[in-house]
Protein backbone atom coordinates (compact mmCIF):
# COMPACT_ATOMS: atom_id res chain seq x y z
CA MET A 1 0.00 0.00 0.00
CA ILE A 2 2.83 2.38 0.85
CA HIS A 3 4.58 1.82 -2.48
CA ARG A 4 1.33 2.19 -4.41
CA LEU A 5 0.55 5.44 -2.59
CA SER A 6 4.06 6.79 -3.16
CA ALA A 7 3.63 6.36 -6.87
CA LEU A 8 0.39 8.31 -6.74
CA ILE A 9 1.83 11.35 -5.01
CA LEU A 10 5.32 11.73 -6.47
CA ALA A 11 3.96 14.68 -8.48
CA LEU A 12 3.05 16.54 -5.31
CA LEU A 13 5.74 17.08 -3.91
CA ALA A 14 1.22 53.99 6.40
CA SER A 15 1.64 56.59 5.65
CA PHE A 16 1.19 55.92 2.11
CA LEU A 17 3.47 54.41 -0.49
CA PRO A 18 3.46 54.43 -4.25
CA ALA A 19 2.88 51.10 -5.93
CA CYS A 20 5.27 48.40 -4.69
CA GLY A 21 5.88 45.87 -7.41
CA GLY A 22 2.64 46.59 -9.26
CA ALA A 23 2.16 44.76 -12.55
CA ASP A 24 0.19 45.44 -15.70
CA SER A 25 -1.31 42.86 -17.99
CA GLY A 26 -0.11 45.04 -20.89
CA GLU A 27 -0.59 48.61 -22.01
CA GLY A 28 -3.06 47.85 -24.79
CA SER A 29 -4.46 50.32 -27.27
CA SER A 30 -6.78 53.21 -26.44
CA ALA A 31 -9.57 51.36 -28.22
CA GLU A 32 -8.98 48.28 -26.07
CA LYS A 33 -9.04 50.39 -22.90
CA ARG A 34 -12.29 52.04 -23.96
CA ALA A 35 -13.78 48.65 -24.73
CA SER A 36 -12.72 47.36 -21.29
CA ALA A 37 -14.23 50.37 -19.54
CA ALA A 38 -17.46 49.91 -21.46
CA GLN A 39 -17.59 46.22 -20.51
CA ALA A 40 -17.04 47.01 -16.84
CA ALA A 41 -19.69 49.75 -16.76
CA GLY A 42 -22.41 48.78 -14.33
CA MET A 43 -20.42 45.99 -12.71
CA PRO A 44 -20.19 46.14 -8.91
CA PRO A 45 -17.05 46.95 -6.95
CA ILE A 46 -15.40 43.88 -5.44
CA ILE A 47 -13.72 43.90 -2.04
CA LEU A 48 -11.80 40.79 -0.94
CA VAL A 49 -10.49 40.65 2.64
CA SER A 50 -8.12 37.91 3.81
CA LEU A 51 -7.65 37.62 7.57
CA ASP A 52 -4.47 35.59 7.64
CA THR A 53 -4.40 32.69 10.15
CA CYS A 54 -8.05 33.09 11.22
CA ARG A 55 -9.54 29.72 12.14
CA ALA A 56 -13.26 29.50 11.54
CA ASP A 57 -14.35 28.37 15.00
CA ARG A 58 -13.03 31.52 16.72
CA LEU A 59 -15.61 33.80 15.09
CA GLY A 60 -19.03 34.43 16.59
CA PHE A 61 -20.97 33.77 13.41
CA MET A 62 -19.16 30.43 13.13
CA GLY A 63 -20.13 29.35 16.65
CA ALA A 64 -17.26 30.57 18.83
CA ARG A 65 -17.83 29.84 22.50
CA ASN A 66 -16.57 33.31 23.43
CA PRO A 67 -17.71 35.57 20.58
CA ASN A 68 -15.13 38.25 19.87
CA SER A 69 -16.14 39.39 16.39
CA PRO A 70 -19.19 41.69 16.61
CA SER A 71 -18.37 43.57 13.39
CA LEU A 72 -18.02 40.42 11.34
CA ASP A 73 -21.05 38.89 13.05
CA LYS A 74 -23.13 41.86 11.94
CA LEU A 75 -21.77 41.54 8.43
CA ALA A 76 -22.57 37.83 8.42
CA SER A 77 -26.23 38.61 9.06
CA GLU A 78 -26.21 40.51 5.75
CA SER A 79 -24.18 37.90 3.88
CA VAL A 80 -24.22 34.36 2.60
CA VAL A 81 -22.13 32.32 5.03
CA PHE A 82 -20.51 29.10 3.87
CA THR A 83 -20.00 27.13 7.08
CA ASN A 84 -18.02 24.25 5.56
CA CYS A 85 -15.16 25.86 3.63
CA ILE A 86 -11.63 24.46 3.53
CA SER A 87 -8.46 26.08 2.34
CA GLN A 88 -6.24 24.50 -0.30
CA SER A 89 -3.13 24.87 1.85
CA SER A 90 -2.10 25.54 5.43
CA ASN A 91 0.53 28.00 4.21
CA THR A 92 -0.09 31.61 3.14
CA GLY A 93 1.44 31.60 -0.34
CA PRO A 94 -0.09 28.50 -1.95
CA SER A 95 -3.42 29.14 -0.26
CA HIS A 96 -3.70 32.66 -1.69
CA ARG A 97 -2.52 31.41 -5.07
CA SER A 98 -5.48 28.99 -5.05
CA LEU A 99 -7.76 31.85 -4.02
CA PHE A 100 -6.58 34.04 -6.91
CA THR A 101 -6.48 31.35 -9.61
CA GLY A 102 -9.19 28.86 -8.67
CA MET A 103 -6.55 26.13 -9.02
CA PHE A 104 -5.37 23.47 -6.59
CA PRO A 105 -1.68 23.52 -5.56
CA THR A 106 -1.12 20.43 -7.73
CA ARG A 107 -1.83 22.66 -10.74
CA HIS A 108 -0.65 26.16 -9.82
CA LYS A 109 2.55 24.76 -8.22
CA HIS A 110 3.19 27.80 -6.00
CA ALA A 111 4.84 26.62 -2.79
CA MET A 112 7.13 27.81 -0.04
CA GLY A 113 10.51 28.03 -1.75
CA SER A 114 9.01 27.72 -5.25
CA TYR A 115 7.30 30.85 -6.57
CA VAL A 116 5.53 31.18 -9.89
CA GLU A 117 3.84 33.49 -12.37
CA SER A 118 0.39 32.05 -12.99
CA PRO A 119 -1.21 32.10 -16.46
CA PHE A 120 -4.05 34.17 -14.97
CA MET A 121 -5.03 35.79 -11.67
CA LEU A 122 -8.31 37.22 -10.45
CA SER A 123 -6.77 40.70 -10.42
CA GLY A 124 -5.72 40.47 -14.06
CA LEU A 125 -9.04 39.02 -15.20
CA LEU A 126 -10.88 41.93 -13.61
CA LYS A 127 -8.40 44.50 -14.89
CA ASP A 128 -8.84 43.14 -18.41
CA VAL A 129 -12.55 44.06 -18.33
CA GLY A 130 -11.96 47.56 -16.97
CA TYR A 131 -11.65 47.28 -13.20
CA GLN A 132 -9.27 49.44 -11.20
CA THR A 133 -7.22 47.02 -9.11
CA ALA A 134 -5.48 47.77 -5.82
CA ALA A 135 -4.04 45.65 -3.03
CA PHE A 136 -2.79 46.53 0.44
CA THR A 137 -1.22 43.47 2.05
CA GLY A 138 0.95 42.30 4.89
CA GLY A 139 3.71 41.25 2.51
CA GLY A 140 5.82 38.30 3.65
CA PHE A 141 4.60 35.34 1.63
CA LEU A 142 2.26 37.82 -0.12
CA ALA A 143 5.11 40.07 -1.23
CA GLY A 144 4.49 41.47 -4.69
CA LYS A 145 7.82 40.08 -5.92
CA LEU A 146 6.51 36.54 -5.33
CA GLY A 147 4.07 36.95 -8.20
CA PHE A 148 1.11 38.36 -6.29
CA ALA A 149 1.32 41.86 -7.78
CA ASP A 150 0.36 40.56 -11.23
CA GLY A 151 -2.74 42.33 -12.52
CA PHE A 152 -2.79 45.02 -9.85
CA ASP A 153 -2.49 48.71 -10.72
CA ILE A 154 -1.30 49.29 -7.17
CA TYR A 155 0.24 46.67 -4.87
CA VAL A 156 1.49 47.90 -1.48
CA ASP A 157 3.20 45.48 0.89
CA LYS A 158 5.42 47.76 2.97
CA ASP A 159 5.18 50.53 5.51
CA GLU A 160 6.78 53.85 4.70
CA GLY A 161 10.38 53.96 5.89
CA TYR A 162 10.58 50.16 6.15
CA GLU A 163 14.29 49.97 5.33
CA GLU A 164 15.07 52.38 8.15
CA SER A 165 12.91 50.75 10.81
CA MET A 166 13.27 47.07 9.76
CA GLN A 167 10.06 46.41 11.70
CA TYR A 168 7.97 44.23 9.51
CA ARG A 169 4.85 42.47 10.77
CA ARG A 170 2.17 44.43 8.93
CA GLY A 171 -1.32 44.73 10.34
CA LEU A 172 -4.44 46.75 9.70
CA SER A 173 -3.26 49.71 11.77
CA SER A 174 -0.89 50.60 8.93
CA ILE A 175 -2.60 48.84 6.02
CA LEU A 176 -6.03 50.44 6.38
CA PRO A 177 -4.77 54.07 6.32
CA GLN A 178 -2.98 53.24 3.08
CA ALA A 179 -6.15 51.72 1.67
CA ALA A 180 -8.27 54.65 2.85
CA SER A 181 -5.87 57.13 1.26
CA TRP A 182 -6.10 55.27 -2.05
CA TRP A 183 -9.87 55.11 -1.68
CA ARG A 184 -10.30 58.83 -1.20
CA LYS A 185 -7.87 59.73 -3.99
CA GLU A 186 -8.58 57.13 -6.66
CA SER A 187 -12.31 56.53 -6.30
CA PRO A 188 -13.98 59.95 -5.87
CA ASN A 189 -16.99 58.97 -7.95
CA TRP A 190 -17.79 56.00 -5.76
CA ALA A 191 -16.93 57.89 -2.57
CA ASN A 192 -19.40 60.71 -3.25
CA GLY A 193 -22.22 58.32 -4.01
CA THR A 194 -22.23 58.42 -7.82
CA THR A 195 -20.99 55.61 -10.03
CA GLY A 196 -17.69 55.22 -11.80
CA ASN A 197 -15.43 52.51 -13.12
CA PRO A 198 -15.64 49.59 -10.71
CA PHE A 199 -12.69 48.65 -8.54
CA PHE A 200 -11.24 45.47 -7.11
CA LEU A 201 -9.74 46.03 -3.67
CA PHE A 202 -7.77 43.29 -1.90
CA LEU A 203 -6.90 43.65 1.78
CA HIS A 204 -4.73 41.23 3.76
CA THR A 205 -3.43 41.38 7.33
CA TYR A 206 -1.13 39.41 9.65
CA ASP A 207 -2.74 40.75 12.83
CA ILE A 208 -3.93 37.29 13.92
CA HIS A 209 -0.69 35.53 12.91
CA CYS A 210 1.97 34.85 15.52
CA PRO A 211 3.40 36.38 17.57
CA TYR A 212 0.09 36.43 19.44
CA TRP A 213 0.59 39.91 20.81
CA PRO A 214 -2.13 42.42 19.87
CA GLY A 215 -2.48 45.97 21.19
CA GLU A 216 -2.19 46.56 24.92
CA GLY A 217 -5.89 47.22 25.42
CA TYR A 218 -6.79 43.88 23.85
CA ARG A 219 -4.10 42.07 25.85
CA ASN A 220 -5.47 43.52 29.07
CA ARG A 221 -9.06 42.68 28.14
CA TYR A 222 -8.31 39.05 27.31
CA GLY A 223 -5.26 38.13 29.37
CA SER A 224 -5.03 40.26 32.51
CA TRP A 225 -5.71 37.15 34.61
CA TYR A 226 -2.48 35.43 33.54
CA GLU A 227 0.33 35.15 36.09
CA GLY A 228 2.63 32.77 34.25
CA SER A 229 5.93 33.36 32.47
CA ALA A 230 5.13 32.63 28.80
CA ASP A 231 6.74 35.30 26.59
CA LEU A 232 4.31 35.35 23.67
CA GLN A 233 5.64 38.66 22.36
CA SER A 234 8.86 37.00 21.16
CA MET A 235 7.40 33.59 20.30
CA CYS A 236 6.74 32.79 16.63
CA GLY A 237 7.68 29.80 14.51
CA GLN A 238 8.05 26.07 15.09
CA GLU A 239 11.35 26.27 16.96
CA ASP A 240 9.86 28.67 19.51
CA PHE A 241 6.58 26.79 19.79
CA GLN A 242 8.21 23.40 20.25
CA ALA A 243 10.49 24.76 22.97
CA PHE A 244 7.38 26.20 24.65
CA LEU A 245 5.58 22.83 24.51
CA ASP A 246 8.64 20.91 25.68
CA GLY A 247 9.38 23.29 28.55
CA GLY A 248 6.85 22.05 31.09
CA VAL A 249 3.94 24.04 29.69
CA LYS A 250 0.86 24.19 31.92
CA ASN A 251 -2.83 24.40 31.08
CA GLU A 252 -2.90 28.07 32.09
CA ASP A 253 -0.10 28.77 29.59
CA ILE A 254 -2.06 27.13 26.76
CA ASN A 255 -5.19 28.98 27.87
CA TYR A 256 -3.27 32.26 27.84
CA LEU A 257 -1.95 31.54 24.35
CA ASN A 258 -5.51 30.87 23.19
CA ALA A 259 -6.73 34.04 24.87
CA MET A 260 -4.09 36.15 23.12
CA TYR A 261 -5.02 34.57 19.80
CA ASP A 262 -8.65 35.51 20.47
CA ALA A 263 -7.52 39.01 21.39
CA GLY A 264 -5.87 39.28 17.97
CA VAL A 265 -9.12 38.21 16.35
CA ALA A 266 -10.99 40.86 18.34
CA MET A 267 -8.55 43.60 17.32
CA THR A 268 -8.75 42.54 13.68
CA ASP A 269 -12.54 42.50 13.84
CA GLU A 270 -12.71 46.03 15.24
CA LEU A 271 -10.27 47.48 12.71
CA THR A 272 -11.98 45.72 9.81
CA GLY A 273 -15.32 47.01 11.05
CA ARG A 274 -14.07 50.61 11.03
CA PHE A 275 -13.01 50.37 7.40
CA LEU A 276 -16.25 48.71 6.34
CA GLU A 277 -18.20 51.39 8.17
CA MET A 278 -16.43 54.03 6.08
CA LEU A 279 -17.54 52.22 2.93
CA ARG A 280 -21.03 51.80 4.36
CA LYS A 281 -21.35 55.55 5.04
CA ASP A 282 -20.14 56.32 1.54
CA GLY A 283 -22.91 54.11 0.18
CA VAL A 284 -20.39 51.86 -1.56
CA LEU A 285 -20.59 48.77 0.63
CA ASP A 286 -24.20 48.18 -0.36
CA LYS A 287 -23.28 48.33 -4.05
CA SER A 288 -20.32 45.96 -3.72
CA ILE A 289 -19.59 42.27 -3.60
CA LEU A 290 -17.64 41.80 -0.37
CA ILE A 291 -15.82 38.57 0.50
CA ILE A 292 -14.32 37.86 3.92
CA THR A 293 -12.16 34.76 4.29
CA SER A 294 -8.84 33.44 5.55
CA ASP A 295 -5.96 31.53 4.00
CA HIS A 296 -5.72 28.98 6.81
CA GLY A 297 -6.44 28.53 10.50
CA GLU A 298 -4.16 27.70 13.41
CA THR A 299 -3.55 24.83 15.80
CA LEU A 300 -3.41 26.16 19.35
CA GLY A 301 -2.34 23.22 21.48
CA GLU A 302 -4.35 20.46 19.82
CA HIS A 303 -2.25 17.48 18.67
CA ARG A 304 0.48 18.89 20.90
CA TYR A 305 1.18 21.45 18.20
CA ILE A 306 1.04 25.23 17.78
CA GLY A 307 0.97 26.98 14.43
CA HIS A 308 0.00 25.87 10.93
CA ASN A 309 1.64 24.13 7.91
CA GLN A 310 -0.05 20.82 8.83
CA MET A 311 -3.28 19.24 7.57
CA TRP A 312 -5.46 19.26 10.71
CA GLU A 313 -9.02 20.53 10.38
CA GLU A 314 -8.50 23.55 12.64
CA GLN A 315 -5.87 24.67 10.10
CA LEU A 316 -7.91 23.95 6.96
CA HIS A 317 -11.41 25.01 8.03
CA VAL A 318 -11.67 28.72 7.25
CA PRO A 319 -14.44 31.33 7.31
CA LEU A 320 -16.07 32.36 4.05
CA MET A 321 -18.85 34.91 3.71
CA ILE A 322 -20.02 36.85 0.68
CA ARG A 323 -22.11 39.99 0.99
CA PHE A 324 -23.86 40.66 -2.30
CA PRO A 325 -25.12 44.10 -3.40
CA GLY A 326 -28.11 45.17 -1.39
CA GLY A 327 -27.49 42.36 1.08
CA GLU A 328 -29.24 39.92 -1.27
CA TRP A 329 -29.70 36.47 0.31
CA GLY A 330 -28.39 37.96 3.58
CA GLY A 331 -28.52 35.61 6.54
CA THR A 332 -28.32 32.48 4.39
CA ARG A 333 -26.10 29.77 5.88
CA ILE A 334 -24.89 27.03 3.54
CA PRO A 335 -23.40 23.79 4.95
CA ASP A 336 -22.37 22.33 1.59
CA PRO A 337 -18.68 21.45 1.14
CA VAL A 338 -16.92 24.40 -0.50
CA MET A 339 -13.31 25.59 -0.97
CA LEU A 340 -11.23 28.68 -1.56
CA VAL A 341 -10.81 27.66 -5.21
CA ASP A 342 -14.55 28.36 -5.56
CA VAL A 343 -14.17 32.10 -4.92
CA LEU A 344 -12.79 33.05 -8.35
CA PRO A 345 -15.43 31.20 -10.42
CA THR A 346 -18.14 32.53 -8.10
CA LEU A 347 -17.10 36.14 -8.70
CA LEU A 348 -16.79 35.66 -12.44
CA ASP A 349 -20.23 34.00 -12.52
CA ALA A 350 -21.74 36.88 -10.55
CA LEU A 351 -20.30 39.28 -13.15
CA GLU A 352 -21.46 37.04 -16.02
CA LEU A 353 -17.86 36.57 -17.15
CA PRO A 354 -16.44 33.24 -18.34
CA ALA A 355 -13.94 31.35 -16.22
CA PRO A 356 -10.58 30.63 -17.90
CA GLU A 357 -9.59 27.13 -18.89
CA GLY A 358 -7.96 25.38 -15.96
CA VAL A 359 -10.10 26.73 -13.12
CA GLN A 360 -10.82 23.82 -10.79
CA GLY A 361 -13.27 25.47 -8.42
CA THR A 362 -17.02 25.71 -8.97
CA SER A 363 -19.26 28.77 -8.81
CA LEU A 364 -21.28 29.03 -5.59
CA MET A 365 -23.90 31.32 -7.10
CA ASP A 366 -26.54 28.62 -7.43
CA LEU A 367 -25.97 27.64 -3.81
CA ALA A 368 -26.47 31.28 -2.79
CA ARG A 369 -29.67 31.46 -4.84
CA GLY A 370 -30.89 28.21 -3.32
CA THR A 371 -31.26 26.51 -6.71
CA ALA A 372 -28.54 23.86 -6.30
CA SER A 373 -26.61 21.85 -3.74
CA PHE A 374 -23.38 19.87 -3.67
CA GLY A 375 -24.89 17.49 -1.13
CA GLY A 376 -22.29 15.82 1.06
CA GLU A 377 -20.03 14.41 -1.63
CA ARG A 378 -17.36 16.50 -3.27
CA PHE A 379 -13.65 16.03 -3.92
CA ARG A 380 -11.61 18.49 -1.84
CA MET A 381 -7.88 18.60 -1.26
CA ALA A 382 -5.18 20.63 0.45
CA MET A 383 -1.41 20.56 0.22
CA HIS A 384 1.74 22.05 1.74
CA GLN A 385 5.25 20.88 0.88
CA ASP A 386 5.43 17.12 1.62
CA LEU A 387 1.93 17.00 3.18
CA MET A 388 -1.34 16.43 1.36
CA SER A 389 -4.88 15.69 2.45
CA PHE A 390 -8.06 14.93 0.57
CA ARG A 391 -11.62 13.87 1.13
CA VAL A 392 -14.45 12.87 -1.21
CA ASP A 393 -17.33 13.12 1.27
CA GLU A 394 -18.06 14.35 4.79
CA GLN A 395 -16.84 11.17 6.48
CA TRP A 396 -13.39 10.06 5.39
CA LYS A 397 -10.24 12.17 5.37
CA VAL A 398 -6.82 11.00 4.20
CA ILE A 399 -3.55 12.69 5.22
CA VAL A 400 -0.35 11.73 3.40
CA LYS A 401 3.23 12.65 4.25
CA GLN A 402 5.76 12.04 1.49
CA MET A 403 9.01 10.72 2.94
CA GLU A 404 12.50 11.46 1.67
CA ASP A 405 12.99 7.81 0.66
CA GLY A 406 10.05 8.04 -1.75
CA GLN A 407 7.62 6.17 0.46
CA ALA A 408 4.69 7.73 2.28
CA LYS A 409 3.08 7.74 5.68
CA VAL A 410 -0.71 7.64 5.57
CA LYS A 411 -3.45 8.49 8.08
CA LEU A 412 -7.18 7.85 7.77
CA TYR A 413 -9.79 9.62 9.89
CA ASP A 414 -13.55 9.27 10.19
CA LEU A 415 -14.56 12.91 10.66
CA SER A 416 -18.20 11.98 11.32
CA ARG A 417 -17.15 10.17 14.52
CA ASP A 418 -13.79 11.77 15.21
CA PRO A 419 -13.95 15.47 14.21
CA LYS A 420 -10.84 16.27 16.28
CA GLU A 421 -8.76 13.69 14.39
CA ALA A 422 -7.58 11.86 17.48
CA ARG A 423 -7.67 8.32 16.05
CA ASN A 424 -5.77 7.17 12.97
CA LEU A 425 -7.93 4.24 11.85
CA LEU A 426 -5.07 2.53 10.04
CA LYS A 427 -3.66 1.71 13.47
CA ASP A 428 -6.87 -0.01 14.64
CA PRO A 429 -5.75 -3.59 15.45
CA GLN A 430 -9.27 -5.02 15.30
CA GLN A 431 -10.42 -3.53 11.99
CA ALA A 432 -7.20 -2.88 10.10
CA GLN A 433 -8.30 -4.80 7.02
CA LYS A 434 -11.65 -2.96 6.84
CA TYR A 435 -10.01 0.46 6.95
CA ARG A 436 -7.31 -0.48 4.45
CA GLU A 437 -10.08 -1.39 2.02
CA VAL A 438 -11.70 2.00 2.68
CA LEU A 439 -8.34 3.66 2.01
CA ASP A 440 -7.81 1.69 -1.20
CA GLY A 441 -11.15 2.97 -2.52
CA LEU A 442 -10.26 6.55 -1.63
CA LEU A 443 -6.84 6.27 -3.24
CA ALA A 444 -8.44 4.98 -6.42
CA GLU A 445 -10.60 8.13 -6.52
CA TRP A 446 -7.52 10.27 -5.90
CA LYS A 447 -5.67 8.58 -8.75
CA ALA A 448 -8.61 9.03 -11.11
CA TRP A 449 -8.82 12.73 -10.21
CA ARG A 450 -5.10 13.25 -10.81
CA GLU A 451 -5.17 11.46 -14.13
CA ALA A 452 -8.21 13.44 -15.31
CA GLY A 453 -6.40 16.73 -14.71
CA ARG A 454 -2.89 15.81 -15.81
CA GLU A 455 -3.14 17.17 -19.35
CA LEU A 456 -4.27 20.61 -18.18
CA ASP A 457 -1.71 20.55 -15.35
CA GLU A 458 1.02 20.23 -17.98
CA LYS A 459 -0.55 22.75 -20.35
CA LEU A 460 -0.85 25.41 -17.64
CA ALA A 461 2.54 24.77 -16.03
CA PRO A 462 3.62 28.19 -14.68
CA ALA A 463 6.84 30.07 -15.14
CA GLN A 464 9.18 30.03 -12.13
CA ILE A 465 10.29 33.26 -10.45
CA GLN A 466 14.01 33.13 -9.77
CA GLY A 467 15.78 34.85 -6.89
CA ALA A 468 12.56 36.12 -5.30
CA VAL A 469 13.62 35.67 -1.67
CA ASP A 470 16.36 38.24 -1.23
CA GLN A 471 17.90 39.26 2.08
CA GLN A 472 15.16 41.79 2.79
CA LEU A 473 12.29 39.37 2.19
CA GLN A 474 14.04 36.67 4.21
CA ALA A 475 14.18 39.12 7.13
CA GLU A 476 10.45 39.74 6.78
CA LEU A 477 9.69 36.02 6.71
CA SER A 478 11.91 35.42 9.73
CA GLU A 479 9.85 37.89 11.73
CA LEU A 480 6.80 35.81 10.86
CA GLY A 481 8.51 32.67 12.14
CA TYR A 482 9.71 31.22 8.81
CA THR A 483 13.40 30.36 8.91
CA GLY A 484 15.80 27.76 7.65
CA PHE A 485 14.61 27.34 4.08
CA GLU A 486 16.03 28.28 0.71
CA GLU A 487 14.51 28.64 -2.70
CA GLU A 488 14.39 25.41 -4.65
């Protein structure tokens, strides 16, 4: 079984700045630009917000035990909420690449240490039909130089004076003023309540990402009870987290870590709410398609692990809500199995634009309208480096780790009975044969899926970006806890 599986997965693996690394899809003729503007006329603005490292179960509208997201909860009541969304990776870069291309990592091939220029991106597709495109991000694995600036008129991933300060971890306190400045300057027609060329605005923040150390007021509100010695301010990355877990950690330390994570969610919610309120007062929010999601979640002590880059459900289950113009279908909650790769085809469908060849997600518009359902069966997968997981229904989940010797370690979970993934069924001494037969059936479906997409995978193979991680970007990634890797 191990050799057969190995063969199947060998293919896997503030102040305000001018544009930083912005990219055009081509100058084009004046006639082409006029045609694009005419095509975009009447289309709604699109606002996409990615709350990096936000696990779904820590938000009120997703059932958090201690709700700390009143702004997002209010927005959810006006939106379509997809309660069963998984990310396509537990790492920022490949996950966002899936979000922007509608492709699985097996096709777009963007990974930590391997950066690509995709044949198309959501930003470029919208720009081609006349949208203004702007992004204000946390940088790091979303640095423009890693291929994410493609299709954006403006792509900002730094604070002013970054080289002098060398303080990196970008959050909404610096990102949102940059976005607001762009908004007031570049979109006067929308801001004063009239219509103009539509815009696509992408916002991304690391406020929830480690180190779990939000503003002082939030720390006091959520963690003033703590009397231990955990130094969360300087703790970020697997080396730090493993030392923390191996150092005689107590329940109160884990509880404090969780509380500080929740405090980061609360701060992010409040700052996001302020920006959305500005758009609401301008009358633009109600005319827009607004998407709130995350690239991945976070393990916070479960499985004796802290962080992400694994395949556990708390890392893959992410929030996804879409507020349509006028709040249409607001309050609808959809439990069908969906994914981040569905966002791009959904937006294109809403705009009545065709999806490019190679998109692997499916539009969610019919789910929002209530005219269709996926039911409980749908192929979904996620991947990061040597780890991959997939499921074909709501019961069985397979996790595969590719080993250096070419073999693979495999885990099988029954999520219907074991949602916390505490029991690898392949180690069940009483029913080992039964579960190996289940696994064989699942692997056959995986193989069929890979074979069906292989021709397009090869046709759409992306161009590699060489030398993207320079000394400056490596310093930024180190501050986010990513060390000890080189470009491959």
